[in-house]
Amino acid sequence: MSELKGFDRMFRLDGKVAVITGGSRGLGLHTATAFLLAGARKVIITARKSGGEQGIDQAVDKLNALPGISGKAVGIAANVANTEDIQRLVEEIKKTEPKIDILVANAGATWGGPFEPTPDWSSQKVLDLNVRGVFNTVRLMAPMLAAAGKPDDPSRVIIVSSTAGVNVPHVGDHGTIMYSASKAAAHHMARNLAVELGPRNITTNTVAPGFFPSKLANGLIDILGGTKELENENPRKRLGIPEDIAGVMVYLASRASNYVNGVDIAVDGGVRLSSGRLTKL
């Protein structure tokens, strides 16, 4: 028999403080929900806007209404593509929390269209949020992460990338070349951060989702033939559901992944491995 210390708490987040960028909807909201259900003491979500159907306020209300949770959700409006706004976010968090256990860099932007007419502003928008924004968010929150990390229970950085960072998903009229390049950069940034921050008791890993129905993905899903067609092309014969992202996020944030650092985890049903198609003509 092997002695597995604390196995009954291995996938728990009791007492942890998490920050999730882009946490008001989609994958960020799924993650915030999972963290609270796993026992997190506080989950701080950010988005650019407080009000509206996709804003922070409605998400915080939903999260705090979850049955049986002991922690709470807090919302702070911030544009994490802007370095000054990230610094303001850090200072706002410091007012109540000197340390952060988990940082999920989830906020992202995309743009699609034909190659040659690509407007330069679209590339700047994508790179500013998906690459510079992630780098600066981790950089400016690193001291608070290091303050919480321990050799036997490190703090966590989880970068939400995409399977577009490891394959060529779409070219042609609906190409997403700069988005794909930005996600490849996010993958390699995480590997660099794993080596840079590991000695400070901070692990860094990447989650690379495939298609999950969301505001960000739904337009492209329709262009590529709709949900049914994409389901048929997937080895699992379906698209992603909230539980799929929740499970891997709790794993990477919990003691179960203490020794996992610099790893990319694809959450796509295996579709990245099939030949597929590059574009919908």
C-alpha atoms as a PDB file:
ATOM      1  CA  MET A   1       0.000   0.000   0.000  1.00  0.00           C
ATOM      2  CA  SER A   2       1.240   3.511  -0.814  1.00  0.00           C
ATOM      3  CA  GLU A   3       0.813   6.342   1.662  1.00  0.00           C
ATOM      4  CA  LEU A   4      -0.885   9.238  -0.105  1.00  0.00           C
ATOM      5  CA  LYS A   5      -0.847  12.218   2.217  1.00  0.00           C
ATOM      6  CA  GLY A   6      -3.967  14.360   2.224  1.00  0.00           C
ATOM      7  CA  PHE A   7      -5.575  12.520  -0.673  1.00  0.00           C
ATOM      8  CA  ASP A   8      -9.058  13.468   0.513  1.00  0.00           C
ATOM      9  CA  ARG A   9      -8.129  17.161   0.055  1.00  0.00           C
ATOM     10  CA  MET A  10      -6.011  16.785  -3.075  1.00  0.00           C
ATOM     11  CA  PHE A  11      -8.517  18.455  -5.384  1.00  0.00           C
ATOM     12  CA  ARG A  12      -9.720  21.071  -2.915  1.00  0.00           C
ATOM     13  CA  LEU A  13      -8.973  24.813  -2.937  1.00  0.00           C
ATOM     14  CA  ASP A  14     -10.017  25.616   0.619  1.00  0.00           C
ATOM     15  CA  GLY A  15      -8.709  28.969   1.809  1.00  0.00           C
ATOM     16  CA  LYS A  16      -7.280  29.944  -1.602  1.00  0.00           C
ATOM     17  CA  VAL A  17      -7.517  33.362  -3.242  1.00  0.00           C
ATOM     18  CA  ALA A  18      -7.806  33.340  -7.040  1.00  0.00           C
ATOM     19  CA  VAL A  19      -7.761  36.063  -9.694  1.00  0.00           C
ATOM     20  CA  ILE A  20      -9.376  35.324 -13.058  1.00  0.00           C
ATOM     21  CA  THR A  21      -9.089  37.798 -15.917  1.00  0.00           C
ATOM     22  CA  GLY A  22     -12.012  37.742 -18.312  1.00  0.00           C
ATOM     23  CA  GLY A  23     -14.013  36.049 -15.592  1.00  0.00           C
ATOM     24  CA  SER A  24     -17.459  37.457 -16.284  1.00  0.00           C
ATOM     25  CA  ARG A  25     -18.480  34.957 -18.978  1.00  0.00           C
ATOM     26  CA  GLY A  26     -17.480  31.861 -20.917  1.00  0.00           C
ATOM     27  CA  LEU A  27     -14.460  29.856 -19.821  1.00  0.00           C
ATOM     28  CA  GLY A  28     -13.557  32.416 -17.152  1.00  0.00           C
ATOM     29  CA  LEU A  29     -16.973  32.138 -15.522  1.00  0.00           C
ATOM     30  CA  HIS A  30     -16.841  28.330 -15.691  1.00  0.00           C
ATOM     31  CA  THR A  31     -13.482  28.500 -13.920  1.00  0.00           C
ATOM     32  CA  ALA A  32     -14.693  30.917 -11.247  1.00  0.00           C
ATOM     33  CA  THR A  33     -17.675  28.649 -10.568  1.00  0.00           C
ATOM     34  CA  ALA A  34     -15.450  25.591 -10.228  1.00  0.00           C
ATOM     35  CA  PHE A  35     -13.031  27.329  -7.862  1.00  0.00           C
ATOM     36  CA  LEU A  36     -15.807  28.434  -5.511  1.00  0.00           C
ATOM     37  CA  LEU A  37     -17.365  24.961  -5.527  1.00  0.00           C
ATOM     38  CA  ALA A  38     -13.912  23.527  -4.729  1.00  0.00           C
ATOM     39  CA  GLY A  39     -13.733  25.702  -1.619  1.00  0.00           C
ATOM     40  CA  ALA A  40     -11.821  28.826  -2.651  1.00  0.00           C
ATOM     41  CA  ARG A  41     -12.099  31.597  -0.058  1.00  0.00           C
ATOM     42  CA  LYS A  42     -12.222  34.417  -2.599  1.00  0.00           C
ATOM     43  CA  VAL A  43     -12.408  34.537  -6.384  1.00  0.00           C
ATOM     44  CA  ILE A  44     -11.668  37.935  -7.913  1.00  0.00           C
ATOM     45  CA  ILE A  45     -12.912  38.269 -11.475  1.00  0.00           C
ATOM     46  CA  THR A  46     -12.016  41.045 -13.886  1.00  0.00           C
ATOM     47  CA  ALA A  47     -13.495  42.316 -17.121  1.00  0.00           C
ATOM     48  CA  ARG A  48     -13.533  45.659 -18.868  1.00  0.00           C
ATOM     49  CA  LYS A  49     -17.118  46.508 -17.909  1.00  0.00           C
ATOM     50  CA  SER A  50     -19.054  46.282 -14.662  1.00  0.00           C
ATOM     51  CA  GLY A  51     -22.604  46.544 -16.016  1.00  0.00           C
ATOM     52  CA  GLY A  52     -24.547  44.836 -18.765  1.00  0.00           C
ATOM     53  CA  GLU A  53     -25.372  41.243 -19.668  1.00  0.00           C
ATOM     54  CA  GLN A  54     -21.689  40.300 -20.007  1.00  0.00           C
ATOM     55  CA  GLY A  55     -20.373  42.567 -17.240  1.00  0.00           C
ATOM     56  CA  ILE A  56     -18.812  41.760 -13.899  1.00  0.00           C
ATOM     57  CA  ASP A  57     -21.782  42.636 -11.701  1.00  0.00           C
ATOM     58  CA  GLN A  58     -24.143  40.011 -13.131  1.00  0.00           C
ATOM     59  CA  ALA A  59     -21.418  37.354 -12.910  1.00  0.00           C
ATOM     60  CA  VAL A  60     -20.626  38.168  -9.272  1.00  0.00           C
ATOM     61  CA  ASP A  61     -24.318  37.921  -8.386  1.00  0.00           C
ATOM     62  CA  LYS A  62     -24.563  34.491 -10.027  1.00  0.00           C
ATOM     63  CA  LEU A  63     -21.380  33.235  -8.383  1.00  0.00           C
ATOM     64  CA  ASN A  64     -22.349  34.368  -4.899  1.00  0.00           C
ATOM     65  CA  ALA A  65     -25.720  32.656  -5.295  1.00  0.00           C
ATOM     66  CA  LEU A  66     -24.090  29.235  -5.798  1.00  0.00           C
ATOM     67  CA  PRO A  67     -25.476  26.809  -3.202  1.00  0.00           C
ATOM     68  CA  GLY A  68     -23.169  25.495  -0.511  1.00  0.00           C
ATOM     69  CA  ILE A  69     -20.139  27.698  -1.150  1.00  0.00           C
ATOM     70  CA  SER A  70     -18.122  29.091   1.760  1.00  0.00           C
ATOM     71  CA  GLY A  71     -16.161  31.670  -0.225  1.00  0.00           C
ATOM     72  CA  LYS A  72     -17.224  34.695  -2.213  1.00  0.00           C
ATOM     73  CA  ALA A  73     -16.761  36.317  -5.591  1.00  0.00           C
ATOM     74  CA  VAL A  74     -15.578  39.895  -6.034  1.00  0.00           C
ATOM     75  CA  GLY A  75     -15.483  41.876  -9.267  1.00  0.00           C
ATOM     76  CA  ILE A  76     -13.002  44.565 -10.300  1.00  0.00           C
ATOM     77  CA  ALA A  77     -13.277  46.293 -13.686  1.00  0.00           C
ATOM     78  CA  ALA A  78      -9.958  46.401 -15.544  1.00  0.00           C
ATOM     79  CA  ASN A  79      -8.620  46.302 -19.081  1.00  0.00           C
ATOM     80  CA  VAL A  80      -5.692  43.902 -18.860  1.00  0.00           C
ATOM     81  CA  ALA A  81      -4.443  44.943 -22.293  1.00  0.00           C
ATOM     82  CA  ASN A  82      -3.400  48.195 -20.614  1.00  0.00           C
ATOM     83  CA  THR A  83      -0.382  48.041 -18.308  1.00  0.00           C
ATOM     84  CA  GLU A  84      -1.485  50.997 -16.189  1.00  0.00           C
ATOM     85  CA  ASP A  85      -4.866  49.365 -15.675  1.00  0.00           C
ATOM     86  CA  ILE A  86      -3.188  46.125 -14.598  1.00  0.00           C
ATOM     87  CA  GLN A  87      -1.170  48.071 -12.032  1.00  0.00           C
ATOM     88  CA  ARG A  88      -4.380  49.697 -10.788  1.00  0.00           C
ATOM     89  CA  LEU A  89      -5.954  46.233 -10.520  1.00  0.00           C
ATOM     90  CA  VAL A  90      -2.992  45.023  -8.461  1.00  0.00           C
ATOM     91  CA  GLU A  91      -3.256  47.971  -6.085  1.00  0.00           C
ATOM     92  CA  GLU A  92      -6.999  47.402  -5.714  1.00  0.00           C
ATOM     93  CA  ILE A  93      -6.446  43.733  -4.821  1.00  0.00           C
ATOM     94  CA  LYS A  94      -3.750  44.677  -2.296  1.00  0.00           C
ATOM     95  CA  LYS A  95      -6.294  46.685  -0.322  1.00  0.00           C
ATOM     96  CA  THR A  96      -7.832  43.431   0.941  1.00  0.00           C
ATOM     97  CA  GLU A  97      -5.425  40.631  -0.018  1.00  0.00           C
ATOM     98  CA  PRO A  98      -1.630  40.715   0.445  1.00  0.00           C
ATOM     99  CA  LYS A  99      -1.209  37.387  -1.348  1.00  0.00           C
ATOM    100  CA  ILE A 100      -2.666  35.537  -4.338  1.00  0.00           C
ATOM    101  CA  ASP A 101      -2.658  31.757  -4.619  1.00  0.00           C
ATOM    102  CA  ILE A 102      -3.958  31.368  -8.177  1.00  0.00           C
ATOM    103  CA  LEU A 103      -3.851  33.598 -11.259  1.00  0.00           C
ATOM    104  CA  VAL A 104      -5.812  32.545 -14.337  1.00  0.00           C
ATOM    105  CA  ALA A 105      -4.881  34.690 -17.348  1.00  0.00           C
ATOM    106  CA  ASN A 106      -8.009  34.039 -19.372  1.00  0.00           C
ATOM    107  CA  ALA A 107      -8.931  37.354 -21.038  1.00  0.00           C
ATOM    108  CA  GLY A 108      -8.378  37.189 -24.768  1.00  0.00           C
ATOM    109  CA  ALA A 109      -9.248  38.779 -28.093  1.00  0.00           C
ATOM    110  CA  THR A 110      -9.553  37.437 -31.621  1.00  0.00           C
ATOM    111  CA  TRP A 111      -9.996  38.771 -35.130  1.00  0.00           C
ATOM    112  CA  GLY A 112     -10.651  36.954 -38.389  1.00  0.00           C
ATOM    113  CA  GLY A 113     -10.569  37.932 -42.036  1.00  0.00           C
ATOM    114  CA  PRO A 114      -8.690  37.651 -45.327  1.00  0.00           C
ATOM    115  CA  PHE A 115      -4.909  37.939 -45.177  1.00  0.00           C
ATOM    116  CA  GLU A 116      -3.866  40.937 -47.288  1.00  0.00           C
ATOM    117  CA  PRO A 117      -6.561  43.448 -46.194  1.00  0.00           C
ATOM    118  CA  THR A 118      -5.903  42.734 -42.488  1.00  0.00           C
ATOM    119  CA  PRO A 119      -6.073  46.105 -40.671  1.00  0.00           C
ATOM    120  CA  ASP A 120      -3.085  46.751 -38.444  1.00  0.00           C
ATOM    121  CA  TRP A 121      -5.295  47.753 -35.512  1.00  0.00           C
ATOM    122  CA  SER A 122      -6.644  44.198 -35.346  1.00  0.00           C
ATOM    123  CA  SER A 123      -3.143  42.752 -34.922  1.00  0.00           C
ATOM    124  CA  GLN A 124      -2.342  45.287 -32.233  1.00  0.00           C
ATOM    125  CA  LYS A 125      -5.569  44.490 -30.379  1.00  0.00           C
ATOM    126  CA  VAL A 126      -4.896  40.748 -30.429  1.00  0.00           C
ATOM    127  CA  LEU A 127      -1.229  40.966 -29.424  1.00  0.00           C
ATOM    128  CA  ASP A 128      -1.793  43.612 -26.740  1.00  0.00           C
ATOM    129  CA  LEU A 129      -4.274  41.419 -24.856  1.00  0.00           C
ATOM    130  CA  ASN A 130      -3.182  37.870 -25.676  1.00  0.00           C
ATOM    131  CA  VAL A 131       0.573  38.370 -25.294  1.00  0.00           C
ATOM    132  CA  ARG A 132       1.591  41.692 -23.706  1.00  0.00           C
ATOM    133  CA  GLY A 133      -1.419  41.674 -21.418  1.00  0.00           C
ATOM    134  CA  VAL A 134      -0.711  38.164 -20.146  1.00  0.00           C
ATOM    135  CA  PHE A 135       2.989  38.905 -19.651  1.00  0.00           C
ATOM    136  CA  ASN A 136       2.346  42.108 -17.725  1.00  0.00           C
ATOM    137  CA  THR A 137      -0.437  40.614 -15.629  1.00  0.00           C
ATOM    138  CA  VAL A 138       1.844  37.797 -14.474  1.00  0.00           C
ATOM    139  CA  ARG A 139       4.809  40.142 -14.039  1.00  0.00           C
ATOM    140  CA  LEU A 140       2.944  42.630 -11.875  1.00  0.00           C
ATOM    141  CA  MET A 141       1.186  39.974  -9.777  1.00  0.00           C
ATOM    142  CA  ALA A 142       4.282  37.806  -9.310  1.00  0.00           C
ATOM    143  CA  PRO A 143       5.232  39.318  -5.906  1.00  0.00           C
ATOM    144  CA  MET A 144       1.788  38.470  -4.471  1.00  0.00           C
ATOM    145  CA  LEU A 145       1.975  34.971  -5.965  1.00  0.00           C
ATOM    146  CA  ALA A 146       5.444  34.432  -4.530  1.00  0.00           C
ATOM    147  CA  ALA A 147       4.234  35.567  -1.104  1.00  0.00           C
ATOM    148  CA  ALA A 148       1.647  32.762  -1.098  1.00  0.00           C
ATOM    149  CA  GLY A 149       3.703  29.968  -2.655  1.00  0.00           C
ATOM    150  CA  LYS A 150       5.310  27.201  -0.585  1.00  0.00           C
ATOM    151  CA  PRO A 151       7.623  24.365  -1.625  1.00  0.00           C
ATOM    152  CA  ASP A 152       4.912  21.791  -0.926  1.00  0.00           C
ATOM    153  CA  ASP A 153       2.030  23.964  -2.208  1.00  0.00           C
ATOM    154  CA  PRO A 154       3.146  26.409  -4.902  1.00  0.00           C
ATOM    155  CA  SER A 155       1.100  29.279  -6.222  1.00  0.00           C
ATOM    156  CA  ARG A 156      -0.325  28.795  -9.691  1.00  0.00           C
ATOM    157  CA  VAL A 157      -0.346  30.686 -12.953  1.00  0.00           C
ATOM    158  CA  ILE A 158      -2.714  29.174 -15.522  1.00  0.00           C
ATOM    159  CA  ILE A 159      -2.629  30.737 -18.975  1.00  0.00           C
ATOM    160  CA  VAL A 160      -5.690  30.087 -21.128  1.00  0.00           C
ATOM    161  CA  SER A 161      -4.437  29.701 -24.674  1.00  0.00           C
ATOM    162  CA  SER A 162      -6.020  27.741 -27.538  1.00  0.00           C
ATOM    163  CA  THR A 163      -5.356  24.720 -29.702  1.00  0.00           C
ATOM    164  CA  ALA A 164      -4.839  27.396 -32.375  1.00  0.00           C
ATOM    165  CA  GLY A 165      -1.424  27.851 -30.727  1.00  0.00           C
ATOM    166  CA  VAL A 166      -0.261  24.420 -31.898  1.00  0.00           C
ATOM    167  CA  ASN A 167      -1.979  23.973 -35.289  1.00  0.00           C
ATOM    168  CA  VAL A 168      -3.162  26.048 -38.262  1.00  0.00           C
ATOM    169  CA  PRO A 169      -6.911  26.174 -37.736  1.00  0.00           C
ATOM    170  CA  HIS A 170      -8.223  28.738 -40.222  1.00  0.00           C
ATOM    171  CA  VAL A 171      -6.876  30.566 -43.254  1.00  0.00           C
ATOM    172  CA  GLY A 172      -8.618  32.175 -46.213  1.00  0.00           C
ATOM    173  CA  ASP A 173     -11.526  34.561 -45.904  1.00  0.00           C
ATOM    174  CA  HIS A 174     -11.962  33.811 -42.210  1.00  0.00           C
ATOM    175  CA  GLY A 175      -8.311  33.346 -41.323  1.00  0.00           C
ATOM    176  CA  THR A 176      -7.130  33.931 -37.761  1.00  0.00           C
ATOM    177  CA  ILE A 177      -3.392  34.077 -38.371  1.00  0.00           C
ATOM    178  CA  MET A 178      -2.465  36.686 -35.751  1.00  0.00           C
ATOM    179  CA  TYR A 179      -4.745  35.074 -33.175  1.00  0.00           C
ATOM    180  CA  SER A 180      -3.053  31.737 -33.803  1.00  0.00           C
ATOM    181  CA  ALA A 181       0.388  33.361 -33.570  1.00  0.00           C
ATOM    182  CA  SER A 182      -0.569  35.092 -30.314  1.00  0.00           C
ATOM    183  CA  LYS A 183      -1.629  31.781 -28.780  1.00  0.00           C
ATOM    184  CA  ALA A 184       1.594  30.103 -29.877  1.00  0.00           C
ATOM    185  CA  ALA A 185       3.379  32.945 -28.096  1.00  0.00           C
ATOM    186  CA  ALA A 186       1.263  32.351 -24.992  1.00  0.00           C
ATOM    187  CA  HIS A 187       2.252  28.681 -24.994  1.00  0.00           C
ATOM    188  CA  HIS A 188       5.958  29.475 -25.122  1.00  0.00           C
ATOM    189  CA  MET A 189       5.615  32.334 -22.651  1.00  0.00           C
ATOM    190  CA  ALA A 190       4.205  29.828 -20.152  1.00  0.00           C
ATOM    191  CA  ARG A 191       7.235  27.564 -20.650  1.00  0.00           C
ATOM    192  CA  ASN A 192       9.563  30.491 -19.998  1.00  0.00           C
ATOM    193  CA  LEU A 193       7.579  31.545 -16.941  1.00  0.00           C
ATOM    194  CA  ALA A 194       7.676  27.990 -15.602  1.00  0.00           C
ATOM    195  CA  VAL A 195      11.468  28.196 -15.484  1.00  0.00           C
ATOM    196  CA  GLU A 196      11.571  31.827 -14.330  1.00  0.00           C
ATOM    197  CA  LEU A 197       9.015  31.504 -11.532  1.00  0.00           C
ATOM    198  CA  GLY A 198       9.451  27.888 -10.457  1.00  0.00           C
ATOM    199  CA  PRO A 199      12.215  28.722  -7.967  1.00  0.00           C
ATOM    200  CA  ARG A 200       9.839  31.249  -6.380  1.00  0.00           C
ATOM    201  CA  ASN A 201       7.310  28.469  -5.675  1.00  0.00           C
ATOM    202  CA  ILE A 202       5.051  29.420  -8.576  1.00  0.00           C
ATOM    203  CA  THR A 203       4.076  26.946 -11.287  1.00  0.00           C
ATOM    204  CA  THR A 204       2.936  28.031 -14.749  1.00  0.00           C
ATOM    205  CA  ASN A 205       0.888  25.870 -17.081  1.00  0.00           C
ATOM    206  CA  THR A 206      -1.234  26.350 -20.185  1.00  0.00           C
ATOM    207  CA  VAL A 207      -4.775  25.213 -20.898  1.00  0.00           C
ATOM    208  CA  ALA A 208      -5.540  25.084 -24.615  1.00  0.00           C
ATOM    209  CA  PRO A 209      -9.269  24.727 -25.287  1.00  0.00           C
ATOM    210  CA  GLY A 210     -10.822  23.758 -28.583  1.00  0.00           C
ATOM    211  CA  PHE A 211     -14.317  24.891 -29.443  1.00  0.00           C
ATOM    212  CA  PHE A 212     -16.519  25.707 -26.467  1.00  0.00           C
ATOM    213  CA  PRO A 213     -19.725  27.530 -27.387  1.00  0.00           C
ATOM    214  CA  SER A 214     -19.234  31.109 -26.170  1.00  0.00           C
ATOM    215  CA  LYS A 215     -19.560  34.705 -27.305  1.00  0.00           C
ATOM    216  CA  LEU A 216     -15.958  34.581 -28.559  1.00  0.00           C
ATOM    217  CA  ALA A 217     -16.380  31.318 -30.491  1.00  0.00           C
ATOM    218  CA  ASN A 218     -19.989  31.268 -31.673  1.00  0.00           C
ATOM    219  CA  GLY A 219     -19.447  33.441 -34.742  1.00  0.00           C
ATOM    220  CA  LEU A 220     -16.650  31.220 -36.021  1.00  0.00           C
ATOM    221  CA  ILE A 221     -18.628  28.076 -35.191  1.00  0.00           C
ATOM    222  CA  ASP A 222     -21.437  29.349 -37.448  1.00  0.00           C
ATOM    223  CA  ILE A 223     -19.016  30.244 -40.250  1.00  0.00           C
ATOM    224  CA  LEU A 224     -17.467  26.767 -40.132  1.00  0.00           C
ATOM    225  CA  GLY A 225     -20.785  25.004 -40.584  1.00  0.00           C
ATOM    226  CA  GLY A 226     -22.414  25.135 -37.170  1.00  0.00           C
ATOM    227  CA  THR A 227     -22.341  23.040 -34.038  1.00  0.00           C
ATOM    228  CA  LYS A 228     -23.491  19.766 -35.617  1.00  0.00           C
ATOM    229  CA  GLU A 229     -20.850  19.818 -38.331  1.00  0.00           C
ATOM    230  CA  LEU A 230     -18.038  20.561 -35.888  1.00  0.00           C
ATOM    231  CA  GLU A 231     -19.305  17.867 -33.530  1.00  0.00           C
ATOM    232  CA  ASN A 232     -19.149  15.311 -36.337  1.00  0.00           C
ATOM    233  CA  GLU A 233     -15.518  16.257 -37.063  1.00  0.00           C
ATOM    234  CA  ASN A 234     -14.479  15.799 -33.428  1.00  0.00           C
ATOM    235  CA  PRO A 235     -13.260  12.354 -32.268  1.00  0.00           C
ATOM    236  CA  ARG A 236     -15.506  12.732 -29.193  1.00  0.00           C
ATOM    237  CA  LYS A 237     -18.441  13.792 -31.383  1.00  0.00           C
ATOM    238  CA  ARG A 238     -19.220  16.867 -29.340  1.00  0.00           C
ATOM    239  CA  LEU A 239     -17.944  20.328 -28.455  1.00  0.00           C
ATOM    240  CA  GLY A 240     -16.681  21.392 -25.047  1.00  0.00           C
ATOM    241  CA  ILE A 241     -18.986  21.807 -22.064  1.00  0.00           C
ATOM    242  CA  PRO A 242     -18.400  23.743 -18.802  1.00  0.00           C
ATOM    243  CA  GLU A 243     -17.469  20.617 -16.823  1.00  0.00           C
ATOM    244  CA  ASP A 244     -14.598  19.928 -19.233  1.00  0.00           C
ATOM    245  CA  ILE A 245     -12.840  23.192 -18.469  1.00  0.00           C
ATOM    246  CA  ALA A 246     -13.798  23.111 -14.771  1.00  0.00           C
ATOM    247  CA  GLY A 247     -12.095  19.766 -14.196  1.00  0.00           C
ATOM    248  CA  VAL A 248      -8.742  20.680 -15.709  1.00  0.00           C
ATOM    249  CA  MET A 249      -8.708  24.082 -14.013  1.00  0.00           C
ATOM    250  CA  VAL A 250      -9.328  22.639 -10.554  1.00  0.00           C
ATOM    251  CA  TYR A 251      -6.625  20.034 -11.196  1.00  0.00           C
ATOM    252  CA  LEU A 252      -4.030  22.666 -12.161  1.00  0.00           C
ATOM    253  CA  ALA A 253      -4.994  24.910  -9.238  1.00  0.00           C
ATOM    254  CA  SER A 254      -4.967  22.169  -6.600  1.00  0.00           C
ATOM    255  CA  ARG A 255      -2.362  20.054  -4.791  1.00  0.00           C
ATOM    256  CA  ALA A 256      -2.954  17.331  -7.365  1.00  0.00           C
ATOM    257  CA  SER A 257      -0.672  19.238  -9.764  1.00  0.00           C
ATOM    258  CA  ASN A 258       2.034  20.374  -7.315  1.00  0.00           C
ATOM    259  CA  TYR A 259       4.816  18.957  -9.514  1.00  0.00           C
ATOM    260  CA  VAL A 260       3.321  19.904 -12.890  1.00  0.00           C
ATOM    261  CA  ASN A 261       5.119  22.911 -14.376  1.00  0.00           C
ATOM    262  CA  GLY A 262       5.464  24.195 -17.930  1.00  0.00           C
ATOM    263  CA  VAL A 263       2.868  21.826 -19.401  1.00  0.00           C
ATOM    264  CA  ASP A 264       0.292  22.442 -22.148  1.00  0.00           C
ATOM    265  CA  ILE A 265      -3.036  20.650 -21.674  1.00  0.00           C
ATOM    266  CA  ALA A 266      -5.344  20.563 -24.697  1.00  0.00           C
ATOM    267  CA  VAL A 267      -9.060  20.376 -23.890  1.00  0.00           C
ATOM    268  CA  ASP A 268     -10.525  19.713 -27.316  1.00  0.00           C
ATOM    269  CA  GLY A 269     -11.666  16.089 -27.532  1.00  0.00           C
ATOM    270  CA  GLY A 270      -8.627  15.294 -29.703  1.00  0.00           C
ATOM    271  CA  VAL A 271      -9.747  17.261 -32.759  1.00  0.00           C
ATOM    272  CA  ARG A 272      -6.325  18.943 -33.070  1.00  0.00           C
ATOM    273  CA  LEU A 273      -4.928  15.527 -34.042  1.00  0.00           C
ATOM    274  CA  SER A 274      -7.244  14.969 -37.005  1.00  0.00           C
ATOM    275  CA  SER A 275      -6.585  16.350 -40.463  1.00  0.00           C
ATOM    276  CA  GLY A 276      -9.725  18.466 -40.434  1.00  0.00           C
ATOM    277  CA  ARG A 277      -9.926  21.453 -42.777  1.00  0.00           C
ATOM    278  CA  LEU A 278      -8.276  24.819 -42.848  1.00  0.00           C
ATOM    279  CA  THR A 279     -11.209  26.967 -43.836  1.00  0.00           C
ATOM    280  CA  LYS A 280     -14.872  27.046 -44.751  1.00  0.00           C
ATOM    281  CA  LEU A 281     -15.087  28.325 -48.324  1.00  0.00           C
END
